[in-house]
Amino acid sequence: RFHVGERVLAGPTLGDRVALVVTTRRALGFDG
């Protein structure tokens, strides 16, 4: 879940087994 006021700046960008999202506060990665 996003924090209050947090916005997505880039992504989601996906590979076969990973995903990457950049927000105003965090880099979020999904480990497939």
PDB file of all heavy atoms in Angstrom:
ATOM      1  N   ARG A   1       0.832  -1.206   0.000  1.00  0.00           N
ATOM      2  CA  ARG A   1       0.000   0.000   0.000  1.00  0.00           C
ATOM      3  C   ARG A   1       0.870   1.260   0.000  1.00  0.00           C
ATOM      4  O   ARG A   1       1.968   1.284   0.560  1.00  0.00           O
ATOM      5  CB  ARG A   1      -0.933   0.004   1.215  1.00  0.00           C
ATOM      6  CG  ARG A   1      -1.971  -1.105   1.142  1.00  0.00           C
ATOM      7  CD  ARG A   1      -3.025  -0.997   2.217  1.00  0.00           C
ATOM      8  NE  ARG A   1      -4.064  -2.006   2.012  1.00  0.00           N
ATOM      9  CZ  ARG A   1      -5.136  -1.817   1.263  1.00  0.00           C
ATOM     10  NH1 ARG A   1      -5.318  -0.646   0.668  1.00  0.00           N
ATOM     11  NH2 ARG A   1      -6.025  -2.769   1.101  1.00  0.00           N
ATOM     12  N   PHE A   2       0.335   2.290  -0.631  1.00  0.00           N
ATOM     13  CA  PHE A   2       1.034   3.564  -0.677  1.00  0.00           C
ATOM     14  C   PHE A   2       0.849   4.316   0.635  1.00  0.00           C
ATOM     15  O   PHE A   2      -0.194   4.209   1.298  1.00  0.00           O
ATOM     16  CB  PHE A   2       0.511   4.424  -1.834  1.00  0.00           C
ATOM     17  CG  PHE A   2       0.729   3.806  -3.189  1.00  0.00           C
ATOM     18  CD1 PHE A   2      -0.328   3.654  -4.077  1.00  0.00           C
ATOM     19  CD2 PHE A   2       1.995   3.381  -3.581  1.00  0.00           C
ATOM     20  CE1 PHE A   2      -0.128   3.099  -5.329  1.00  0.00           C
ATOM     21  CE2 PHE A   2       2.200   2.816  -4.825  1.00  0.00           C
ATOM     22  CZ  PHE A   2       1.144   2.669  -5.699  1.00  0.00           C
ATOM     23  N   HIS A   3       1.866   5.094   0.993  1.00  0.00           N
ATOM     24  CA  HIS A   3       1.742   5.990   2.123  1.00  0.00           C
ATOM     25  C   HIS A   3       0.893   7.205   1.723  1.00  0.00           C
ATOM     26  O   HIS A   3       0.664   7.462   0.537  1.00  0.00           O
ATOM     27  CB  HIS A   3       3.124   6.459   2.575  1.00  0.00           C
ATOM     28  CG  HIS A   3       4.009   5.346   3.035  1.00  0.00           C
ATOM     29  ND1 HIS A   3       5.392   5.406   2.999  1.00  0.00           N
ATOM     30  CD2 HIS A   3       3.713   4.115   3.539  1.00  0.00           C
ATOM     31  CE1 HIS A   3       5.899   4.279   3.460  1.00  0.00           C
ATOM     32  NE2 HIS A   3       4.901   3.485   3.796  1.00  0.00           N
ATOM     33  N   VAL A   4       0.446   7.943   2.709  1.00  0.00           N
ATOM     34  CA  VAL A   4      -0.343   9.141   2.435  1.00  0.00           C
ATOM     35  C   VAL A   4       0.502  10.122   1.621  1.00  0.00           C
ATOM     36  O   VAL A   4       1.633  10.459   2.003  1.00  0.00           O
ATOM     37  CB  VAL A   4      -0.799   9.800   3.750  1.00  0.00           C
ATOM     38  CG1 VAL A   4      -1.531  11.117   3.464  1.00  0.00           C
ATOM     39  CG2 VAL A   4      -1.697   8.852   4.531  1.00  0.00           C
ATOM     40  N   GLY A   5      -0.025  10.559   0.495  1.00  0.00           N
ATOM     41  CA  GLY A   5       0.688  11.518  -0.355  1.00  0.00           C
ATOM     42  C   GLY A   5       1.727  10.910  -1.273  1.00  0.00           C
ATOM     43  O   GLY A   5       2.348  11.632  -2.061  1.00  0.00           O
ATOM     44  N   GLU A   6       1.936   9.596  -1.181  1.00  0.00           N
ATOM     45  CA  GLU A   6       2.945   8.942  -2.029  1.00  0.00           C
ATOM     46  C   GLU A   6       2.405   8.768  -3.447  1.00  0.00           C
ATOM     47  O   GLU A   6       1.272   8.335  -3.641  1.00  0.00           O
ATOM     48  CB  GLU A   6       3.309   7.581  -1.441  1.00  0.00           C
ATOM     49  CG  GLU A   6       4.452   6.875  -2.152  1.00  0.00           C
ATOM     50  CD  GLU A   6       4.847   5.577  -1.462  1.00  0.00           C
ATOM     51  OE1 GLU A   6       4.018   5.052  -0.689  1.00  0.00           O
ATOM     52  OE2 GLU A   6       5.972   5.095  -1.692  1.00  0.00           O
ATOM     53  N   ARG A   7       3.230   9.103  -4.450  1.00  0.00           N
ATOM     54  CA  ARG A   7       2.840   8.999  -5.845  1.00  0.00           C
ATOM     55  C   ARG A   7       3.849   8.164  -6.636  1.00  0.00           C
ATOM     56  O   ARG A   7       5.043   8.163  -6.317  1.00  0.00           O
ATOM     57  CB  ARG A   7       2.738  10.385  -6.488  1.00  0.00           C
ATOM     58  CG  ARG A   7       1.658  11.280  -5.922  1.00  0.00           C
ATOM     59  CD  ARG A   7       1.670  12.633  -6.598  1.00  0.00           C
ATOM     60  NE  ARG A   7       2.865  13.407  -6.275  1.00  0.00           N
ATOM     61  CZ  ARG A   7       3.885  13.598  -7.099  1.00  0.00           C
ATOM     62  NH1 ARG A   7       3.876  13.061  -8.321  1.00  0.00           N
ATOM     63  NH2 ARG A   7       4.910  14.323  -6.728  1.00  0.00           N
ATOM     64  N   VAL A   8       3.368   7.482  -7.660  1.00  0.00           N
ATOM     65  CA  VAL A   8       4.242   6.719  -8.553  1.00  0.00           C
ATOM     66  C   VAL A   8       4.899   7.666  -9.538  1.00  0.00           C
ATOM     67  O   VAL A   8       4.230   8.455 -10.215  1.00  0.00           O
ATOM     68  CB  VAL A   8       3.452   5.630  -9.300  1.00  0.00           C
ATOM     69  CG1 VAL A   8       4.325   4.975 -10.364  1.00  0.00           C
ATOM     70  CG2 VAL A   8       2.929   4.590  -8.322  1.00  0.00           C
ATOM     71  N   LEU A   9       6.227   7.592  -9.624  1.00  0.00           N
ATOM     72  CA  LEU A   9       6.982   8.408 -10.565  1.00  0.00           C
ATOM     73  C   LEU A   9       7.383   7.636 -11.816  1.00  0.00           C
ATOM     74  O   LEU A   9       7.436   8.197 -12.912  1.00  0.00           O
ATOM     75  CB  LEU A   9       8.249   8.959  -9.889  1.00  0.00           C
ATOM     76  CG  LEU A   9       8.038   9.902  -8.707  1.00  0.00           C
ATOM     77  CD1 LEU A   9       9.390  10.326  -8.148  1.00  0.00           C
ATOM     78  CD2 LEU A   9       7.214  11.117  -9.120  1.00  0.00           C
ATOM     79  N   ALA A  10       7.679   6.356 -11.664  1.00  0.00           N
ATOM     80  CA  ALA A  10       8.114   5.541 -12.807  1.00  0.00           C
ATOM     81  C   ALA A  10       7.676   4.100 -12.604  1.00  0.00           C
ATOM     82  O   ALA A  10       7.739   3.565 -11.503  1.00  0.00           O
ATOM     83  CB  ALA A  10       9.637   5.605 -12.960  1.00  0.00           C
ATOM     84  N   GLY A  11       7.229   3.464 -13.701  1.00  0.00           N
ATOM     85  CA  GLY A  11       6.803   2.077 -13.647  1.00  0.00           C
ATOM     86  C   GLY A  11       5.314   1.946 -13.403  1.00  0.00           C
ATOM     87  O   GLY A  11       4.581   2.946 -13.461  1.00  0.00           O
ATOM     88  N   PRO A  12       4.862   0.723 -13.144  1.00  0.00           N
ATOM     89  CA  PRO A  12       5.658  -0.504 -13.017  1.00  0.00           C
ATOM     90  C   PRO A  12       6.307  -0.934 -14.338  1.00  0.00           C
ATOM     91  O   PRO A  12       5.684  -0.859 -15.389  1.00  0.00           O
ATOM     92  CB  PRO A  12       4.644  -1.550 -12.561  1.00  0.00           C
ATOM     93  CG  PRO A  12       3.473  -0.782 -12.053  1.00  0.00           C
ATOM     94  CD  PRO A  12       3.438   0.460 -12.864  1.00  0.00           C
ATOM     95  N   THR A  13       7.565  -1.372 -14.236  1.00  0.00           N
ATOM     96  CA  THR A  13       8.288  -1.957 -15.354  1.00  0.00           C
ATOM     97  C   THR A  13       8.569  -3.409 -14.997  1.00  0.00           C
ATOM     98  O   THR A  13       9.091  -3.698 -13.923  1.00  0.00           O
ATOM     99  CB  THR A  13       9.601  -1.212 -15.616  1.00  0.00           C
ATOM    100  OG1 THR A  13       9.318   0.180 -15.819  1.00  0.00           O
ATOM    101  CG2 THR A  13      10.298  -1.764 -16.848  1.00  0.00           C
ATOM    102  N   LEU A  14       8.217  -4.334 -15.908  1.00  0.00           N
ATOM    103  CA  LEU A  14       8.267  -5.760 -15.602  1.00  0.00           C
ATOM    104  C   LEU A  14       9.303  -6.485 -16.442  1.00  0.00           C
ATOM    105  O   LEU A  14       9.542  -6.145 -17.602  1.00  0.00           O
ATOM    106  CB  LEU A  14       6.901  -6.426 -15.851  1.00  0.00           C
ATOM    107  CG  LEU A  14       5.822  -6.325 -14.776  1.00  0.00           C
ATOM    108  CD1 LEU A  14       5.413  -4.887 -14.528  1.00  0.00           C
ATOM    109  CD2 LEU A  14       4.618  -7.163 -15.168  1.00  0.00           C
ATOM    110  N   GLY A  15       9.898  -7.514 -15.818  1.00  0.00           N
ATOM    111  CA  GLY A  15      10.628  -8.558 -16.508  1.00  0.00           C
ATOM    112  C   GLY A  15       9.899  -9.868 -16.236  1.00  0.00           C
ATOM    113  O   GLY A  15       8.864  -9.887 -15.571  1.00  0.00           O
ATOM    114  N   ASP A  16      10.450 -10.973 -16.710  1.00  0.00           N
ATOM    115  CA  ASP A  16       9.785 -12.263 -16.514  1.00  0.00           C
ATOM    116  C   ASP A  16       9.522 -12.584 -15.053  1.00  0.00           C
ATOM    117  O   ASP A  16       8.511 -13.197 -14.709  1.00  0.00           O
ATOM    118  CB  ASP A  16      10.642 -13.400 -17.094  1.00  0.00           C
ATOM    119  CG  ASP A  16      10.515 -13.482 -18.605  1.00  0.00           C
ATOM    120  OD1 ASP A  16       9.590 -12.860 -19.153  1.00  0.00           O
ATOM    121  OD2 ASP A  16      11.334 -14.172 -19.220  1.00  0.00           O
ATOM    122  N   ARG A  17      10.456 -12.202 -14.175  1.00  0.00           N
ATOM    123  CA  ARG A  17      10.365 -12.594 -12.767  1.00  0.00           C
ATOM    124  C   ARG A  17      10.564 -11.437 -11.790  1.00  0.00           C
ATOM    125  O   ARG A  17      10.710 -11.659 -10.592  1.00  0.00           O
ATOM    126  CB  ARG A  17      11.384 -13.705 -12.467  1.00  0.00           C
ATOM    127  CG  ARG A  17      11.110 -15.002 -13.220  1.00  0.00           C
ATOM    128  CD  ARG A  17      12.221 -16.025 -12.996  1.00  0.00           C
ATOM    129  NE  ARG A  17      11.928 -17.284 -13.656  1.00  0.00           N
ATOM    130  CZ  ARG A  17      12.188 -17.534 -14.927  1.00  0.00           C
ATOM    131  NH1 ARG A  17      12.748 -16.604 -15.673  1.00  0.00           N
ATOM    132  NH2 ARG A  17      11.905 -18.711 -15.465  1.00  0.00           N
ATOM    133  N   VAL A  18      10.585 -10.221 -12.301  1.00  0.00           N
ATOM    134  CA  VAL A  18      10.778  -9.053 -11.435  1.00  0.00           C
ATOM    135  C   VAL A  18       9.904  -7.906 -11.930  1.00  0.00           C
ATOM    136  O   VAL A  18       9.479  -7.875 -13.082  1.00  0.00           O
ATOM    137  CB  VAL A  18      12.250  -8.586 -11.408  1.00  0.00           C
ATOM    138  CG1 VAL A  18      13.147  -9.617 -10.747  1.00  0.00           C
ATOM    139  CG2 VAL A  18      12.744  -8.271 -12.823  1.00  0.00           C
ATOM    140  N   ALA A  19       9.640  -6.975 -11.027  1.00  0.00           N
ATOM    141  CA  ALA A  19       8.971  -5.728 -11.389  1.00  0.00           C
ATOM    142  C   ALA A  19       9.582  -4.609 -10.560  1.00  0.00           C
ATOM    143  O   ALA A  19      10.036  -4.843  -9.425  1.00  0.00           O
ATOM    144  CB  ALA A  19       7.468  -5.814 -11.152  1.00  0.00           C
ATOM    145  N   LEU A  20       9.600  -3.409 -11.108  1.00  0.00           N
ATOM    146  CA  LEU A  20      10.208  -2.277 -10.422  1.00  0.00           C
ATOM    147  C   LEU A  20       9.310  -1.055 -10.555  1.00  0.00           C
ATOM    148  O   LEU A  20       8.816  -0.744 -11.639  1.00  0.00           O
ATOM    149  CB  LEU A  20      11.586  -1.977 -11.017  1.00  0.00           C
ATOM    150  CG  LEU A  20      12.407  -0.873 -10.353  1.00  0.00           C
ATOM    151  CD1 LEU A  20      12.719  -1.223  -8.895  1.00  0.00           C
ATOM    152  CD2 LEU A  20      13.704  -0.637 -11.127  1.00  0.00           C
ATOM    153  N   VAL A  21       9.095  -0.378  -9.422  1.00  0.00           N
ATOM    154  CA  VAL A  21       8.292   0.832  -9.364  1.00  0.00           C
ATOM    155  C   VAL A  21       9.049   1.858  -8.530  1.00  0.00           C
ATOM    156  O   VAL A  21       9.589   1.527  -7.472  1.00  0.00           O
ATOM    157  CB  VAL A  21       6.911   0.566  -8.726  1.00  0.00           C
ATOM    158  CG1 VAL A  21       6.071   1.839  -8.716  1.00  0.00           C
ATOM    159  CG2 VAL A  21       6.193  -0.562  -9.446  1.00  0.00           C
ATOM    160  N   VAL A  22       9.051   3.104  -8.997  1.00  0.00           N
ATOM    161  CA  VAL A  22       9.668   4.190  -8.240  1.00  0.00           C
ATOM    162  C   VAL A  22       8.573   5.174  -7.851  1.00  0.00           C
ATOM    163  O   VAL A  22       7.795   5.626  -8.701  1.00  0.00           O
ATOM    164  CB  VAL A  22      10.752   4.910  -9.055  1.00  0.00           C
ATOM    165  CG1 VAL A  22      11.320   6.087  -8.264  1.00  0.00           C
ATOM    166  CG2 VAL A  22      11.875   3.940  -9.423  1.00  0.00           C
ATOM    167  N   THR A  23       8.496   5.485  -6.560  1.00  0.00           N
ATOM    168  CA  THR A  23       7.527   6.458  -6.066  1.00  0.00           C
ATOM    169  C   THR A  23       8.276   7.676  -5.534  1.00  0.00           C
ATOM    170  O   THR A  23       9.503   7.757  -5.590  1.00  0.00           O
ATOM    171  CB  THR A  23       6.656   5.864  -4.946  1.00  0.00           C
ATOM    172  OG1 THR A  23       7.403   5.811  -3.723  1.00  0.00           O
ATOM    173  CG2 THR A  23       6.172   4.466  -5.304  1.00  0.00           C
ATOM    174  N   THR A  24       7.523   8.603  -5.011  1.00  0.00           N
ATOM    175  CA  THR A  24       8.137   9.799  -4.426  1.00  0.00           C
ATOM    176  C   THR A  24       8.898   9.488  -3.147  1.00  0.00           C
ATOM    177  O   THR A  24       9.669  10.332  -2.674  1.00  0.00           O
ATOM    178  CB  THR A  24       7.045  10.835  -4.117  1.00  0.00           C
ATOM    179  OG1 THR A  24       5.980  10.198  -3.405  1.00  0.00           O
ATOM    180  CG2 THR A  24       6.505  11.443  -5.406  1.00  0.00           C
ATOM    181  N   ARG A  25       8.720   8.286  -2.593  1.00  0.00           N
ATOM    182  CA  ARG A  25       9.375   7.955  -1.325  1.00  0.00           C
ATOM    183  C   ARG A  25      10.231   6.688  -1.373  1.00  0.00           C
ATOM    184  O   ARG A  25      11.131   6.534  -0.545  1.00  0.00           O
ATOM    185  CB  ARG A  25       8.320   7.771  -0.221  1.00  0.00           C
ATOM    186  CG  ARG A  25       7.503   8.993   0.073  1.00  0.00           C
ATOM    187  CD  ARG A  25       6.612   8.768   1.278  1.00  0.00           C
ATOM    188  NE  ARG A  25       5.778   9.910   1.580  1.00  0.00           N
ATOM    189  CZ  ARG A  25       4.988   9.994   2.644  1.00  0.00           C
ATOM    190  NH1 ARG A  25       4.930   8.971   3.482  1.00  0.00           N
ATOM    191  NH2 ARG A  25       4.252  11.065   2.844  1.00  0.00           N
ATOM    192  N   ARG A  26       9.901   5.771  -2.311  1.00  0.00           N
ATOM    193  CA  ARG A  26      10.531   4.457  -2.251  1.00  0.00           C
ATOM    194  C   ARG A  26      10.820   3.894  -3.639  1.00  0.00           C
ATOM    195  O   ARG A  26      10.176   4.274  -4.618  1.00  0.00           O
ATOM    196  CB  ARG A  26       9.611   3.462  -1.519  1.00  0.00           C
ATOM    197  CG  ARG A  26       9.324   3.767  -0.085  1.00  0.00           C
ATOM    198  CD  ARG A  26       8.324   2.764   0.505  1.00  0.00           C
ATOM    199  NE  ARG A  26       6.965   2.980   0.012  1.00  0.00           N
ATOM    200  CZ  ARG A  26       5.932   2.204   0.316  1.00  0.00           C
ATOM    201  NH1 ARG A  26       6.121   1.142   1.090  1.00  0.00           N
ATOM    202  NH2 ARG A  26       4.722   2.474  -0.155  1.00  0.00           N
ATOM    203  N   ALA A  27      11.764   2.963  -3.658  1.00  0.00           N
ATOM    204  CA  ALA A  27      11.902   2.047  -4.784  1.00  0.00           C
ATOM    205  C   ALA A  27      11.248   0.744  -4.344  1.00  0.00           C
ATOM    206  O   ALA A  27      11.590   0.180  -3.299  1.00  0.00           O
ATOM    207  CB  ALA A  27      13.370   1.810  -5.123  1.00  0.00           C
ATOM    208  N   LEU A  28      10.271   0.278  -5.120  1.00  0.00           N
ATOM    209  CA  LEU A  28       9.529  -0.935  -4.788  1.00  0.00           C
ATOM    210  C   LEU A  28       9.823  -1.988  -5.841  1.00  0.00           C
ATOM    211  O   LEU A  28       9.650  -1.750  -7.044  1.00  0.00           O
ATOM    212  CB  LEU A  28       8.030  -0.648  -4.739  1.00  0.00           C
ATOM    213  CG  LEU A  28       7.576   0.335  -3.659  1.00  0.00           C
ATOM    214  CD1 LEU A  28       6.140   0.765  -3.903  1.00  0.00           C
ATOM    215  CD2 LEU A  28       7.715  -0.297  -2.278  1.00  0.00           C
ATOM    216  N   GLY A  29      10.283  -3.134  -5.407  1.00  0.00           N
ATOM    217  CA  GLY A  29      10.589  -4.219  -6.323  1.00  0.00           C
ATOM    218  C   GLY A  29       9.806  -5.466  -5.963  1.00  0.00           C
ATOM    219  O   GLY A  29       9.685  -5.816  -4.778  1.00  0.00           O
ATOM    220  N   PHE A  30       9.262  -6.112  -6.982  1.00  0.00           N
ATOM    221  CA  PHE A  30       8.565  -7.376  -6.741  1.00  0.00           C
ATOM    222  C   PHE A  30       9.462  -8.523  -7.150  1.00  0.00           C
ATOM    223  O   PHE A  30       9.970  -8.568  -8.273  1.00  0.00           O
ATOM    224  CB  PHE A  30       7.254  -7.439  -7.528  1.00  0.00           C
ATOM    225  CG  PHE A  30       6.481  -8.709  -7.276  1.00  0.00           C
ATOM    226  CD1 PHE A  30       5.912  -8.957  -6.037  1.00  0.00           C
ATOM    227  CD2 PHE A  30       6.352  -9.666  -8.270  1.00  0.00           C
ATOM    228  CE1 PHE A  30       5.201 -10.126  -5.785  1.00  0.00           C
ATOM    229  CE2 PHE A  30       5.641 -10.832  -8.040  1.00  0.00           C
ATOM    230  CZ  PHE A  30       5.071 -11.071  -6.799  1.00  0.00           C
ATOM    231  N   ASP A  31       9.661  -9.453  -6.226  1.00  0.00           N
ATOM    232  CA  ASP A  31      10.506 -10.628  -6.424  1.00  0.00           C
ATOM    233  C   ASP A  31       9.595 -11.805  -6.772  1.00  0.00           C
ATOM    234  O   ASP A  31       8.915 -12.353  -5.908  1.00  0.00           O
ATOM    235  CB  ASP A  31      11.299 -10.896  -5.142  1.00  0.00           C
ATOM    236  CG  ASP A  31      12.087 -12.193  -5.175  1.00  0.00           C
ATOM    237  OD1 ASP A  31      12.053 -12.896  -6.204  1.00  0.00           O
ATOM    238  OD2 ASP A  31      12.746 -12.503  -4.168  1.00  0.00           O
ATOM    239  N   GLY A  32       9.570 -12.167  -8.061  1.00  0.00           N
ATOM    240  CA  GLY A  32       8.708 -13.258  -8.483  1.00  0.00           C
ATOM    241  C   GLY A  32       9.119 -14.608  -7.950  1.00  0.00           C
ATOM    242  O   GLY A  32       8.317 -15.552  -7.941  1.00  0.00           O
TER     243      GLY A  32
END
